[in-house]
Structures are given as C-alpha cells and as structure tokens.
C-alpha cells in the first residue's frame, strides 16, 4: 500500500498525486506542476492535450512593443494582400528552420525579426551593419531569413511582385514581429506562434515537438 502510494506521487514535486500524463516526461505528474512547469522547464510536445487545452483559454500573451502597437494602423488588409507572397515565403523559411532546429522557440523567432529589422535599418541609412542575435540557434535562423530577404531585394530575383524595397522590408519585419508577439505566450519555451505559423502553412506537427511534416 505504501509503495503504491509513493509511486502515485508526482515525481516533480513529490507532494501531490500524479494524475496527469506528461508526454515530455513520460510519467504521471500533478496538475499544478503541469501548469507551473509547462513550456518553462518542460519541453512540451505540440501534440500534448494539456498544452492544447491551456492554449484554448489562456489569455497570456507577449506584450507587444508600444512603438509597434502604435504603428499597426498601417498594416491593414491592403498591406496583407500586397505582401502576402513575401510573408508566406518568410513564414515558410521559419518553419523549415524549425525542422532543422527542433529546440527553436517563439522568443528566438521574435528576437531574430528584431535583429533583421535593426540590420535593414542600417542598410536604409547607407551604413550597413549586421545586428546579429545571441546564440547559434538564433544566428542560424537569422542567416536563413537574411538570405531570403537578400533574394527578394535583388533586382534579378524574378519574382512576380517585383523587387522588395528596403522600406518595405522594414514594414514587413515590423508586421511579423507584432504578429509573433500577439500569437506567442510569455513562457520561455513556448511555441504557440511556431505552431500557429505551421497550421497556417498547412504543416502537421507530429507526436514529438521536434517533428514537423511538410505537405
């Protein structure tokens, strides 16, 4: 009896009964530890039913930059329609990077968008300087997206839309940053934005957080 009671306790806190299955830990944990450690200390797979349930009612979101929020009036439906092909290409590249970097989280993507904006702003001023983000994961995504933007800004890119101007690139990056902040949770290991992006692009998330299936 005592052995079974001990085994029933949550292995994370050793205080409460473990009644909720955690696919990341492959054990039963308590609801309190699930809510406290979810996407903070636990690398939750996107398929976790408890993670999905929490996202359906949680109102917690990244607080967008006040300056970005004040400029959002510029990004209306006309803007979205005009730059939809550009947004799709960049979003697709983010998803492809996640395939190679399963540890990529929302805050990484947001910081890369900001670093790219800072870099492009120097290009607009005539004094080019790369504002690289911290860490190899972010730098890898930065390089991938920078290559995409360079191709879109190249006169010989051959895109139907035409050459992407530096000023337009800044607007696109502002829009992406704001969108990411509004669709991300405040949890340090959160991937709500990445999962949202994948769903918009028709990408299926497998049973493991590191696995994505491109259509």
N, C-alpha and C. Protein backbone atom coordinates (compact mmCIF):
# COMPACT_ATOMS: atom_id res chain seq x y z
N UNK A 1 0.83 -1.21 0.00
CA UNK A 1 0.00 0.00 0.00
C UNK A 1 0.86 1.25 0.00
N UNK A 2 1.87 1.26 0.87
CA UNK A 2 2.74 2.43 0.95
C UNK A 2 3.55 2.61 -0.33
N UNK A 3 3.96 1.49 -0.93
CA UNK A 3 4.72 1.56 -2.18
C UNK A 3 3.88 2.13 -3.29
N UNK A 4 2.64 1.68 -3.42
CA UNK A 4 1.77 2.18 -4.48
C UNK A 4 1.44 3.64 -4.26
N UNK A 5 1.31 4.07 -3.02
CA UNK A 5 1.02 5.46 -2.71
C UNK A 5 2.19 6.35 -3.11
N UNK A 6 3.41 5.83 -2.83
CA UNK A 6 4.60 6.60 -3.18
C UNK A 6 4.74 6.72 -4.69
N UNK A 7 4.48 5.63 -5.40
CA UNK A 7 4.59 5.65 -6.85
C UNK A 7 3.57 6.59 -7.48
N UNK A 8 2.44 6.82 -6.79
CA UNK A 8 1.38 7.65 -7.34
C UNK A 8 1.69 9.13 -7.20
N UNK A 9 2.70 9.46 -6.41
CA UNK A 9 3.03 10.87 -6.22
C UNK A 9 3.70 11.46 -7.47
N UNK A 10 3.48 12.74 -7.66
CA UNK A 10 4.10 13.45 -8.78
C UNK A 10 5.61 13.44 -8.61
N UNK A 11 6.38 12.98 -9.60
CA UNK A 11 7.84 12.92 -9.46
C UNK A 11 8.51 14.30 -9.47
N UNK A 12 7.77 15.33 -9.86
CA UNK A 12 8.37 16.66 -9.90
C UNK A 12 8.34 17.37 -8.55
N UNK A 13 7.25 17.18 -7.82
CA UNK A 13 7.13 17.86 -6.52
C UNK A 13 7.14 16.90 -5.35
N UNK A 14 6.85 15.62 -5.60
CA UNK A 14 6.79 14.59 -4.55
C UNK A 14 5.80 14.93 -3.45
N UNK A 15 4.83 15.77 -3.79
CA UNK A 15 3.85 16.18 -2.79
C UNK A 15 2.43 15.77 -3.17
N UNK A 16 2.07 16.02 -4.42
CA UNK A 16 0.70 15.75 -4.87
C UNK A 16 0.65 14.50 -5.73
N UNK A 17 -0.54 13.99 -5.89
CA UNK A 17 -0.72 12.78 -6.68
C UNK A 17 -0.53 13.09 -8.17
N UNK A 18 0.17 12.21 -8.86
CA UNK A 18 0.38 12.39 -10.29
C UNK A 18 -0.78 11.83 -11.08
N UNK A 19 -1.66 12.69 -11.53
CA UNK A 19 -2.88 12.26 -12.22
C UNK A 19 -2.92 12.68 -13.68
N UNK A 20 -1.91 13.40 -14.13
CA UNK A 20 -1.94 13.93 -15.50
C UNK A 20 -0.72 13.40 -16.25
N UNK A 21 -0.95 12.70 -17.36
CA UNK A 21 0.17 12.15 -18.12
C UNK A 21 0.93 13.25 -18.85
N UNK A 22 2.25 13.26 -18.67
CA UNK A 22 3.13 14.23 -19.33
C UNK A 22 3.92 13.50 -20.41
N UNK A 23 3.62 13.73 -21.69
CA UNK A 23 4.35 13.03 -22.76
C UNK A 23 5.82 13.41 -22.84
N UNK A 24 6.17 14.60 -22.36
CA UNK A 24 7.57 15.02 -22.40
C UNK A 24 8.40 14.24 -21.38
N UNK A 25 7.81 13.97 -20.22
CA UNK A 25 8.50 13.24 -19.16
C UNK A 25 8.17 11.75 -19.18
N UNK A 26 7.09 11.39 -19.88
CA UNK A 26 6.62 10.01 -19.95
C UNK A 26 6.28 9.48 -18.56
N UNK A 27 5.69 10.34 -17.74
CA UNK A 27 5.25 9.95 -16.39
C UNK A 27 3.96 10.70 -16.07
N UNK A 28 3.32 10.28 -14.99
CA UNK A 28 2.15 10.98 -14.49
C UNK A 28 2.61 12.08 -13.54
N UNK A 29 2.20 13.31 -13.79
CA UNK A 29 2.53 14.43 -12.91
C UNK A 29 1.25 15.08 -12.42
N UNK A 30 1.37 15.95 -11.43
CA UNK A 30 0.17 16.62 -10.91
C UNK A 30 -0.19 17.81 -11.78
N UNK A 31 -1.44 18.25 -11.67
CA UNK A 31 -1.92 19.36 -12.48
C UNK A 31 -1.18 20.65 -12.17
N UNK A 32 -0.80 20.83 -10.91
CA UNK A 32 -0.09 22.05 -10.51
C UNK A 32 1.27 22.14 -11.18
N UNK A 33 2.03 21.05 -11.16
CA UNK A 33 3.35 21.05 -11.80
C UNK A 33 3.21 21.18 -13.31
N UNK A 34 2.16 20.58 -13.87
CA UNK A 34 1.92 20.70 -15.30
C UNK A 34 1.73 22.17 -15.68
N UNK A 35 0.90 22.87 -14.93
CA UNK A 35 0.63 24.27 -15.22
C UNK A 35 1.80 25.18 -14.93
N UNK A 36 2.58 24.84 -13.89
CA UNK A 36 3.71 25.68 -13.49
C UNK A 36 4.92 25.52 -14.38
N UNK A 37 5.22 24.26 -14.72
CA UNK A 37 6.46 23.97 -15.46
C UNK A 37 6.26 23.86 -16.96
N UNK A 38 5.01 23.90 -17.42
CA UNK A 38 4.72 23.76 -18.85
C UNK A 38 5.41 24.85 -19.66
N UNK A 39 6.24 24.44 -20.64
CA UNK A 39 6.98 25.34 -21.53
C UNK A 39 7.86 26.33 -20.76
N UNK A 40 8.16 25.97 -19.52
CA UNK A 40 9.12 26.75 -18.73
C UNK A 40 10.34 25.88 -18.46
N UNK A 41 10.10 24.75 -17.79
CA UNK A 41 11.15 23.77 -17.55
C UNK A 41 10.90 22.49 -18.36
N UNK A 42 9.67 22.31 -18.80
CA UNK A 42 9.32 21.12 -19.57
C UNK A 42 9.22 21.46 -21.06
N UNK A 43 9.91 20.66 -21.88
CA UNK A 43 9.85 20.82 -23.34
C UNK A 43 8.59 20.11 -23.84
N UNK A 44 7.47 20.80 -23.81
CA UNK A 44 6.19 20.17 -24.14
C UNK A 44 6.05 19.92 -25.64
N UNK A 45 5.69 18.69 -26.02
CA UNK A 45 5.40 18.45 -27.44
C UNK A 45 4.11 19.14 -27.83
N UNK A 46 4.03 19.61 -29.05
CA UNK A 46 2.87 20.37 -29.51
C UNK A 46 1.59 19.54 -29.50
N UNK A 47 1.74 18.22 -29.50
CA UNK A 47 0.58 17.34 -29.53
C UNK A 47 -0.03 17.09 -28.15
N UNK A 48 0.61 17.58 -27.09
CA UNK A 48 0.13 17.33 -25.73
C UNK A 48 -1.28 17.90 -25.56
N UNK A 49 -2.21 17.07 -25.09
CA UNK A 49 -3.59 17.50 -24.95
C UNK A 49 -3.74 18.59 -23.90
N UNK A 50 -2.90 18.55 -22.86
CA UNK A 50 -2.98 19.56 -21.80
C UNK A 50 -2.44 20.90 -22.28
N UNK A 51 -1.41 20.85 -23.13
CA UNK A 51 -0.88 22.07 -23.72
C UNK A 51 -1.93 22.69 -24.64
N UNK A 52 -2.56 21.86 -25.46
CA UNK A 52 -3.60 22.36 -26.36
C UNK A 52 -4.75 22.98 -25.59
N UNK A 53 -5.15 22.32 -24.50
CA UNK A 53 -6.27 22.82 -23.70
C UNK A 53 -5.92 24.16 -23.07
N UNK A 54 -4.67 24.30 -22.61
CA UNK A 54 -4.27 25.56 -21.98
C UNK A 54 -4.26 26.70 -22.98
N UNK A 55 -3.90 26.41 -24.23
CA UNK A 55 -3.86 27.44 -25.25
C UNK A 55 -5.25 27.89 -25.66
N UNK A 56 -6.24 27.05 -25.42
CA UNK A 56 -7.61 27.39 -25.83
C UNK A 56 -8.24 28.43 -24.92
N UNK A 57 -7.72 28.58 -23.73
CA UNK A 57 -8.32 29.56 -22.82
C UNK A 57 -7.33 30.55 -22.20
N UNK A 58 -6.03 30.26 -22.33
CA UNK A 58 -5.06 31.18 -21.75
C UNK A 58 -5.04 32.51 -22.49
N UNK A 59 -5.11 33.58 -21.76
CA UNK A 59 -5.09 34.91 -22.38
C UNK A 59 -3.70 35.52 -22.34
N UNK A 60 -2.76 34.81 -21.70
CA UNK A 60 -1.43 35.38 -21.57
C UNK A 60 -0.75 35.45 -22.93
N UNK A 61 -0.19 36.62 -23.22
CA UNK A 61 0.50 36.84 -24.49
C UNK A 61 1.69 37.75 -24.25
N UNK A 62 2.61 37.70 -25.19
CA UNK A 62 3.70 38.66 -25.14
C UNK A 62 3.11 40.07 -25.27
N UNK A 63 3.57 40.97 -24.47
CA UNK A 63 3.13 42.36 -24.59
C UNK A 63 3.88 42.97 -25.77
N UNK A 64 3.17 43.40 -26.82
CA UNK A 64 3.86 43.94 -27.99
C UNK A 64 4.58 45.24 -27.67
N UNK A 65 5.64 45.51 -28.42
CA UNK A 65 6.35 46.77 -28.23
C UNK A 65 5.38 47.93 -28.42
N UNK A 66 5.35 48.87 -27.50
CA UNK A 66 4.43 50.01 -27.61
C UNK A 66 4.57 50.76 -28.94
N UNK A 67 5.80 50.91 -29.41
CA UNK A 67 6.01 51.62 -30.67
C UNK A 67 5.40 50.85 -31.84
N UNK A 68 5.57 49.52 -31.82
CA UNK A 68 4.98 48.70 -32.87
C UNK A 68 3.46 48.76 -32.83
N UNK A 69 2.91 48.70 -31.61
CA UNK A 69 1.46 48.73 -31.46
C UNK A 69 0.87 50.03 -32.00
N UNK A 70 1.61 51.12 -31.82
CA UNK A 70 1.13 52.42 -32.28
C UNK A 70 1.17 52.55 -33.80
N UNK A 71 1.95 51.67 -34.45
CA UNK A 71 2.09 51.74 -35.90
C UNK A 71 1.23 50.71 -36.63
N UNK A 72 0.50 49.90 -35.89
CA UNK A 72 -0.24 48.81 -36.51
C UNK A 72 -1.36 49.27 -37.44
N UNK A 73 -1.78 50.51 -37.31
CA UNK A 73 -2.83 51.02 -38.19
C UNK A 73 -2.40 50.98 -39.66
N UNK A 74 -1.09 51.00 -39.90
CA UNK A 74 -0.57 50.99 -41.28
C UNK A 74 -0.75 49.63 -41.95
N UNK A 75 -0.86 48.60 -41.12
CA UNK A 75 -0.86 47.25 -41.67
C UNK A 75 -2.30 46.72 -41.77
N UNK A 76 -3.01 47.24 -42.75
CA UNK A 76 -4.40 46.86 -42.96
C UNK A 76 -4.49 45.69 -43.94
N UNK A 77 -5.72 45.39 -44.36
CA UNK A 77 -5.93 44.27 -45.29
C UNK A 77 -5.22 44.50 -46.63
N UNK A 78 -5.14 45.76 -47.04
CA UNK A 78 -4.44 46.08 -48.29
C UNK A 78 -2.97 45.70 -48.18
N UNK A 79 -2.36 46.01 -47.03
CA UNK A 79 -0.97 45.66 -46.80
C UNK A 79 -0.78 44.14 -46.83
N UNK A 80 -1.67 43.43 -46.14
CA UNK A 80 -1.57 41.98 -46.07
C UNK A 80 -1.71 41.35 -47.46
N UNK A 81 -2.66 41.85 -48.25
CA UNK A 81 -2.85 41.31 -49.61
C UNK A 81 -1.62 41.57 -50.47
N UNK A 82 -1.08 42.78 -50.39
CA UNK A 82 0.07 43.13 -51.24
C UNK A 82 1.31 42.33 -50.89
N UNK A 83 1.54 42.12 -49.57
CA UNK A 83 2.77 41.47 -49.14
C UNK A 83 2.57 40.01 -48.74
N UNK A 84 1.40 39.49 -49.03
CA UNK A 84 1.12 38.09 -48.68
C UNK A 84 2.16 37.12 -49.23
N UNK A 85 2.59 37.25 -50.52
CA UNK A 85 3.62 36.33 -51.03
C UNK A 85 4.93 36.42 -50.25
N UNK A 86 5.30 37.64 -49.84
CA UNK A 86 6.53 37.84 -49.07
C UNK A 86 6.39 37.21 -47.69
N UNK A 87 5.27 37.46 -47.05
CA UNK A 87 5.02 36.91 -45.71
C UNK A 87 5.01 35.39 -45.75
N UNK A 88 4.45 34.84 -46.81
CA UNK A 88 4.40 33.38 -46.95
C UNK A 88 5.79 32.78 -47.09
N UNK A 89 6.63 33.43 -47.89
CA UNK A 89 8.00 32.93 -48.10
C UNK A 89 8.79 32.95 -46.80
N UNK A 90 8.68 34.05 -46.06
CA UNK A 90 9.41 34.17 -44.80
C UNK A 90 8.89 33.17 -43.78
N UNK A 91 7.57 33.06 -43.70
CA UNK A 91 6.97 32.11 -42.74
C UNK A 91 7.39 30.69 -43.05
N UNK A 92 7.41 30.36 -44.33
CA UNK A 92 7.83 29.03 -44.75
C UNK A 92 9.28 28.76 -44.34
N UNK A 93 10.11 29.78 -44.46
CA UNK A 93 11.52 29.64 -44.10
C UNK A 93 11.67 29.42 -42.59
N UNK A 94 10.84 30.08 -41.80
CA UNK A 94 10.87 29.88 -40.35
C UNK A 94 10.50 28.43 -40.03
N UNK A 95 9.49 27.91 -40.69
CA UNK A 95 9.07 26.53 -40.47
C UNK A 95 10.16 25.55 -40.88
N UNK A 96 10.82 25.82 -42.00
CA UNK A 96 11.91 24.96 -42.45
C UNK A 96 13.06 24.97 -41.45
N UNK A 97 13.32 26.14 -40.86
CA UNK A 97 14.37 26.22 -39.85
C UNK A 97 14.00 25.39 -38.63
N UNK A 98 12.73 25.37 -38.29
CA UNK A 98 12.30 24.57 -37.15
C UNK A 98 12.54 23.08 -37.39
N UNK A 99 12.44 22.66 -38.65
CA UNK A 99 12.73 21.28 -38.98
C UNK A 99 14.17 20.91 -38.63
N UNK A 100 15.07 21.87 -38.84
CA UNK A 100 16.49 21.64 -38.56
C UNK A 100 16.86 21.98 -37.13
N UNK A 101 16.05 22.81 -36.48
CA UNK A 101 16.34 23.23 -35.11
C UNK A 101 15.09 23.01 -34.24
N UNK A 102 14.85 21.77 -33.81
CA UNK A 102 13.65 21.48 -33.03
C UNK A 102 13.59 22.21 -31.70
N UNK A 103 14.73 22.76 -31.26
CA UNK A 103 14.77 23.50 -29.99
C UNK A 103 14.41 24.98 -30.17
N UNK A 104 14.13 25.38 -31.42
CA UNK A 104 13.72 26.76 -31.70
C UNK A 104 12.41 27.07 -31.00
N UNK A 105 12.34 28.22 -30.31
CA UNK A 105 11.12 28.63 -29.61
C UNK A 105 10.69 30.01 -30.09
N UNK A 106 9.50 30.42 -29.67
CA UNK A 106 8.92 31.68 -30.15
C UNK A 106 9.82 32.88 -29.92
N UNK A 107 10.38 32.99 -28.72
CA UNK A 107 11.18 34.17 -28.40
C UNK A 107 12.40 34.27 -29.31
N UNK A 108 12.92 33.12 -29.76
CA UNK A 108 14.05 33.13 -30.70
C UNK A 108 13.64 33.80 -32.01
N UNK A 109 12.46 33.43 -32.51
CA UNK A 109 11.98 33.98 -33.78
C UNK A 109 11.75 35.49 -33.65
N UNK A 110 11.15 35.90 -32.53
CA UNK A 110 10.88 37.32 -32.31
C UNK A 110 12.18 38.13 -32.28
N UNK A 111 13.18 37.61 -31.58
CA UNK A 111 14.46 38.32 -31.49
C UNK A 111 15.16 38.36 -32.84
N UNK A 112 14.99 37.33 -33.66
CA UNK A 112 15.59 37.33 -35.00
C UNK A 112 14.91 38.37 -35.88
N UNK A 113 13.59 38.46 -35.82
CA UNK A 113 12.87 39.50 -36.57
C UNK A 113 13.40 40.89 -36.19
N UNK A 114 13.59 41.10 -34.90
CA UNK A 114 14.08 42.40 -34.42
C UNK A 114 15.50 42.67 -34.91
N UNK A 115 16.34 41.62 -34.88
CA UNK A 115 17.72 41.78 -35.34
C UNK A 115 17.78 42.07 -36.83
N UNK A 116 16.92 41.43 -37.59
CA UNK A 116 16.86 41.69 -39.03
C UNK A 116 16.38 43.11 -39.31
N UNK A 117 15.41 43.56 -38.52
CA UNK A 117 14.91 44.93 -38.69
C UNK A 117 16.03 45.94 -38.41
N UNK A 118 16.78 45.70 -37.33
CA UNK A 118 17.89 46.60 -36.99
C UNK A 118 18.95 46.59 -38.08
N UNK A 119 19.20 45.42 -38.66
CA UNK A 119 20.18 45.30 -39.74
C UNK A 119 19.73 46.05 -40.98
N UNK A 120 18.46 45.85 -41.37
CA UNK A 120 17.93 46.52 -42.55
C UNK A 120 17.84 48.04 -42.37
N UNK A 121 17.66 48.45 -41.13
CA UNK A 121 17.60 49.89 -40.85
C UNK A 121 18.94 50.54 -41.13
N UNK A 122 20.03 49.83 -40.85
CA UNK A 122 21.35 50.38 -41.15
C UNK A 122 21.57 50.45 -42.66
N UNK A 123 21.00 49.47 -43.39
CA UNK A 123 21.10 49.48 -44.84
C UNK A 123 20.39 50.70 -45.41
N UNK A 124 19.26 51.04 -44.82
CA UNK A 124 18.50 52.21 -45.27
C UNK A 124 19.25 53.50 -45.01
N UNK A 125 20.08 53.50 -43.97
CA UNK A 125 20.83 54.71 -43.63
C UNK A 125 22.09 54.86 -44.46
N UNK A 126 22.46 53.79 -45.18
CA UNK A 126 23.65 53.85 -46.03
C UNK A 126 24.90 53.32 -45.36
N UNK A 127 24.78 52.95 -44.07
CA UNK A 127 25.93 52.39 -43.35
C UNK A 127 25.52 51.00 -42.87
N UNK A 128 25.84 49.99 -43.66
CA UNK A 128 25.36 48.64 -43.38
C UNK A 128 26.13 47.99 -42.24
N UNK A 129 25.36 47.40 -41.32
CA UNK A 129 25.96 46.69 -40.19
C UNK A 129 24.99 45.60 -39.74
N UNK A 130 25.49 44.36 -39.62
CA UNK A 130 24.64 43.25 -39.20
C UNK A 130 24.48 43.25 -37.68
N UNK A 131 23.26 43.29 -37.23
CA UNK A 131 22.96 43.20 -35.80
C UNK A 131 22.59 41.76 -35.48
N UNK A 132 23.60 40.93 -35.27
CA UNK A 132 23.37 39.51 -35.05
C UNK A 132 22.74 39.26 -33.68
N UNK A 133 21.76 38.36 -33.60
CA UNK A 133 21.18 37.99 -32.31
C UNK A 133 22.13 37.09 -31.55
N UNK A 134 21.83 36.85 -30.30
CA UNK A 134 22.69 35.99 -29.47
C UNK A 134 22.37 34.52 -29.67
N UNK A 135 23.40 33.70 -29.69
CA UNK A 135 23.21 32.26 -29.70
C UNK A 135 23.17 31.65 -31.09
N UNK A 136 23.69 30.43 -31.22
CA UNK A 136 23.75 29.76 -32.52
C UNK A 136 22.38 29.45 -33.13
N UNK A 137 21.38 29.17 -32.30
CA UNK A 137 20.04 28.87 -32.81
C UNK A 137 19.46 30.08 -33.51
N UNK A 138 19.58 31.24 -32.88
CA UNK A 138 19.05 32.47 -33.46
C UNK A 138 19.87 32.92 -34.67
N UNK A 139 21.17 32.75 -34.60
CA UNK A 139 22.03 33.15 -35.72
C UNK A 139 21.71 32.32 -36.96
N UNK A 140 21.45 31.03 -36.76
CA UNK A 140 21.11 30.15 -37.88
C UNK A 140 19.83 30.62 -38.57
N UNK A 141 18.81 30.97 -37.79
CA UNK A 141 17.57 31.47 -38.37
C UNK A 141 17.80 32.84 -39.01
N UNK A 142 18.61 33.67 -38.38
CA UNK A 142 18.94 34.99 -38.94
C UNK A 142 19.54 34.84 -40.32
N UNK A 143 20.52 33.94 -40.45
CA UNK A 143 21.19 33.74 -41.74
C UNK A 143 20.20 33.24 -42.80
N UNK A 144 19.34 32.33 -42.41
CA UNK A 144 18.37 31.79 -43.37
C UNK A 144 17.43 32.89 -43.87
N UNK A 145 16.87 33.67 -42.95
CA UNK A 145 15.93 34.72 -43.34
C UNK A 145 16.62 35.87 -44.06
N UNK A 146 17.85 36.14 -43.67
CA UNK A 146 18.61 37.21 -44.34
C UNK A 146 18.86 36.83 -45.80
N UNK A 147 19.15 35.57 -46.06
CA UNK A 147 19.34 35.09 -47.42
C UNK A 147 18.05 35.25 -48.23
N UNK A 148 16.92 34.93 -47.62
CA UNK A 148 15.63 35.07 -48.29
C UNK A 148 15.36 36.53 -48.63
N UNK A 149 15.60 37.42 -47.68
CA UNK A 149 15.36 38.84 -47.91
C UNK A 149 16.29 39.40 -48.97
N UNK A 150 17.55 38.96 -48.94
CA UNK A 150 18.51 39.42 -49.97
C UNK A 150 18.03 39.03 -51.36
N UNK A 151 17.50 37.83 -51.48
CA UNK A 151 17.00 37.37 -52.79
C UNK A 151 15.78 38.18 -53.22
N UNK A 152 14.90 38.49 -52.27
CA UNK A 152 13.70 39.26 -52.60
C UNK A 152 14.03 40.70 -52.96
N UNK A 153 15.17 41.21 -52.44
CA UNK A 153 15.58 42.59 -52.70
C UNK A 153 16.51 42.69 -53.91
N UNK A 154 16.83 41.54 -54.48
CA UNK A 154 17.73 41.52 -55.63
C UNK A 154 16.96 41.83 -56.91
N UNK A 155 17.42 42.80 -57.71
CA UNK A 155 16.73 43.13 -58.96
C UNK A 155 16.57 41.94 -59.89
N UNK A 156 17.41 40.95 -59.75
CA UNK A 156 17.34 39.78 -60.63
C UNK A 156 16.59 38.62 -60.00
N UNK A 157 15.79 38.89 -58.96
CA UNK A 157 15.10 37.82 -58.26
C UNK A 157 14.04 37.15 -59.11
N UNK A 158 13.44 37.92 -60.04
CA UNK A 158 12.46 37.34 -60.94
C UNK A 158 11.12 37.03 -60.32
N UNK A 159 10.81 37.62 -59.15
CA UNK A 159 9.51 37.38 -58.52
C UNK A 159 8.42 38.16 -59.25
N UNK A 160 7.20 37.64 -59.18
CA UNK A 160 6.07 38.28 -59.85
C UNK A 160 5.78 39.67 -59.26
N UNK A 161 6.02 39.81 -57.97
CA UNK A 161 5.70 41.06 -57.32
C UNK A 161 6.67 42.17 -57.68
N UNK A 162 7.91 41.82 -57.96
CA UNK A 162 8.94 42.81 -58.21
C UNK A 162 9.92 42.87 -57.06
N UNK A 163 10.87 43.77 -57.14
CA UNK A 163 11.92 43.89 -56.13
C UNK A 163 11.36 44.47 -54.83
N UNK A 164 11.72 43.85 -53.73
CA UNK A 164 11.30 44.33 -52.41
C UNK A 164 12.21 45.48 -51.99
N UNK A 165 11.63 46.63 -51.69
CA UNK A 165 12.40 47.80 -51.28
C UNK A 165 12.82 47.67 -49.81
N UNK A 166 13.86 48.41 -49.44
CA UNK A 166 14.33 48.38 -48.05
C UNK A 166 13.23 48.87 -47.11
N UNK A 167 12.55 49.93 -47.47
CA UNK A 167 11.48 50.48 -46.63
C UNK A 167 10.34 49.47 -46.47
N UNK A 168 10.06 48.72 -47.53
CA UNK A 168 9.02 47.69 -47.46
C UNK A 168 9.46 46.53 -46.58
N UNK A 169 10.74 46.20 -46.65
CA UNK A 169 11.29 45.14 -45.82
C UNK A 169 11.14 45.48 -44.34
N UNK A 170 11.39 46.74 -44.00
CA UNK A 170 11.24 47.18 -42.61
C UNK A 170 9.80 47.04 -42.15
N UNK A 171 8.86 47.39 -43.01
CA UNK A 171 7.44 47.26 -42.68
C UNK A 171 7.06 45.79 -42.49
N UNK A 172 7.54 44.94 -43.38
CA UNK A 172 7.25 43.51 -43.30
C UNK A 172 7.77 42.93 -41.99
N UNK A 173 8.99 43.30 -41.61
CA UNK A 173 9.58 42.78 -40.38
C UNK A 173 8.85 43.31 -39.15
N UNK A 174 8.39 44.57 -39.20
CA UNK A 174 7.60 45.11 -38.10
C UNK A 174 6.30 44.32 -37.95
N UNK A 175 5.65 44.06 -39.07
CA UNK A 175 4.40 43.31 -39.06
C UNK A 175 4.61 41.90 -38.51
N UNK A 176 5.67 41.24 -38.95
CA UNK A 176 5.96 39.89 -38.49
C UNK A 176 6.27 39.87 -36.99
N UNK A 177 7.01 40.86 -36.52
CA UNK A 177 7.34 40.93 -35.10
C UNK A 177 6.09 41.10 -34.25
N UNK A 178 5.23 42.03 -34.66
CA UNK A 178 3.99 42.27 -33.93
C UNK A 178 3.10 41.03 -33.94
N UNK A 179 2.97 40.40 -35.09
CA UNK A 179 2.15 39.20 -35.20
C UNK A 179 2.69 38.08 -34.32
N UNK A 180 4.01 37.93 -34.29
CA UNK A 180 4.62 36.89 -33.45
C UNK A 180 4.37 37.18 -31.97
N UNK A 181 4.51 38.43 -31.57
CA UNK A 181 4.28 38.79 -30.18
C UNK A 181 2.83 38.55 -29.76
N UNK A 182 1.90 38.82 -30.64
CA UNK A 182 0.49 38.66 -30.32
C UNK A 182 0.04 37.19 -30.33
N UNK A 183 0.82 36.33 -30.94
CA UNK A 183 0.44 34.92 -31.03
C UNK A 183 1.38 34.01 -30.24
N UNK A 184 2.16 34.61 -29.36
CA UNK A 184 3.09 33.84 -28.54
C UNK A 184 2.71 33.97 -27.07
N UNK A 185 3.00 32.94 -26.29
CA UNK A 185 2.78 33.01 -24.85
C UNK A 185 4.02 33.64 -24.20
N UNK A 186 3.91 33.90 -22.91
CA UNK A 186 5.03 34.51 -22.20
C UNK A 186 6.01 33.45 -21.69
N UNK A 187 5.70 32.19 -21.93
CA UNK A 187 6.56 31.13 -21.41
C UNK A 187 7.86 31.03 -22.22
N UNK A 188 9.01 30.90 -21.55
CA UNK A 188 10.31 30.91 -22.25
C UNK A 188 10.50 29.82 -23.28
N UNK A 189 9.85 28.68 -23.11
CA UNK A 189 9.97 27.59 -24.08
C UNK A 189 8.70 27.44 -24.92
N UNK A 190 7.91 28.50 -24.95
CA UNK A 190 6.65 28.47 -25.67
C UNK A 190 6.84 28.39 -27.18
N UNK A 191 5.96 27.65 -27.83
CA UNK A 191 5.99 27.52 -29.29
C UNK A 191 4.60 27.76 -29.88
N UNK A 192 3.81 28.56 -29.21
CA UNK A 192 2.46 28.80 -29.71
C UNK A 192 2.49 29.50 -31.06
N UNK A 193 3.37 30.47 -31.22
CA UNK A 193 3.48 31.17 -32.50
C UNK A 193 3.97 30.23 -33.59
N UNK A 194 4.98 29.42 -33.28
CA UNK A 194 5.51 28.48 -34.27
C UNK A 194 4.45 27.47 -34.69
N UNK A 195 3.66 26.99 -33.73
CA UNK A 195 2.59 26.05 -34.07
C UNK A 195 1.50 26.74 -34.87
N UNK A 196 1.19 27.97 -34.52
CA UNK A 196 0.20 28.76 -35.26
C UNK A 196 0.66 28.98 -36.70
N UNK A 197 1.94 29.29 -36.85
CA UNK A 197 2.52 29.50 -38.17
C UNK A 197 2.45 28.21 -38.99
N UNK A 198 2.74 27.11 -38.35
CA UNK A 198 2.70 25.82 -39.04
C UNK A 198 1.29 25.48 -39.50
N UNK A 199 0.31 25.78 -38.66
CA UNK A 199 -1.08 25.48 -39.02
C UNK A 199 -1.54 26.34 -40.19
N UNK A 200 -1.11 27.60 -40.23
CA UNK A 200 -1.47 28.48 -41.34
C UNK A 200 -0.86 28.00 -42.65
N UNK A 201 0.30 27.37 -42.55
CA UNK A 201 1.01 26.91 -43.74
C UNK A 201 0.66 25.48 -44.11
N UNK A 202 -0.25 24.87 -43.36
CA UNK A 202 -0.66 23.51 -43.67
C UNK A 202 0.37 22.47 -43.29
N UNK A 203 1.14 22.77 -42.23
CA UNK A 203 2.16 21.83 -41.78
C UNK A 203 1.63 21.08 -40.56
N UNK A 204 1.80 19.76 -40.55
CA UNK A 204 1.33 18.95 -39.43
C UNK A 204 2.45 18.75 -38.42
N UNK A 205 2.10 18.89 -37.16
CA UNK A 205 3.06 18.64 -36.09
C UNK A 205 2.88 17.21 -35.63
N UNK A 206 3.97 16.46 -35.56
CA UNK A 206 3.90 15.06 -35.17
C UNK A 206 3.83 14.92 -33.66
N UNK A 207 3.89 13.68 -33.20
CA UNK A 207 3.76 13.41 -31.78
C UNK A 207 4.90 14.00 -30.98
N UNK A 208 6.02 14.27 -31.62
CA UNK A 208 7.16 14.84 -30.91
C UNK A 208 7.32 16.29 -31.31
N UNK A 209 7.71 17.11 -30.34
CA UNK A 209 7.82 18.54 -30.60
C UNK A 209 8.86 18.84 -31.66
N UNK A 210 9.78 17.92 -31.89
CA UNK A 210 10.83 18.17 -32.88
C UNK A 210 10.41 17.78 -34.28
N UNK A 211 9.21 17.19 -34.43
CA UNK A 211 8.85 16.67 -35.74
C UNK A 211 7.77 17.47 -36.44
N UNK A 212 8.03 17.87 -37.67
CA UNK A 212 7.04 18.54 -38.49
C UNK A 212 6.97 17.82 -39.82
N UNK A 213 5.78 17.80 -40.38
CA UNK A 213 5.59 17.17 -41.68
C UNK A 213 5.15 18.21 -42.67
N UNK A 214 5.97 18.48 -43.66
CA UNK A 214 5.61 19.46 -44.68
C UNK A 214 4.68 18.81 -45.69
N UNK A 215 3.65 19.55 -46.15
CA UNK A 215 2.70 19.00 -47.12
C UNK A 215 3.35 18.82 -48.48
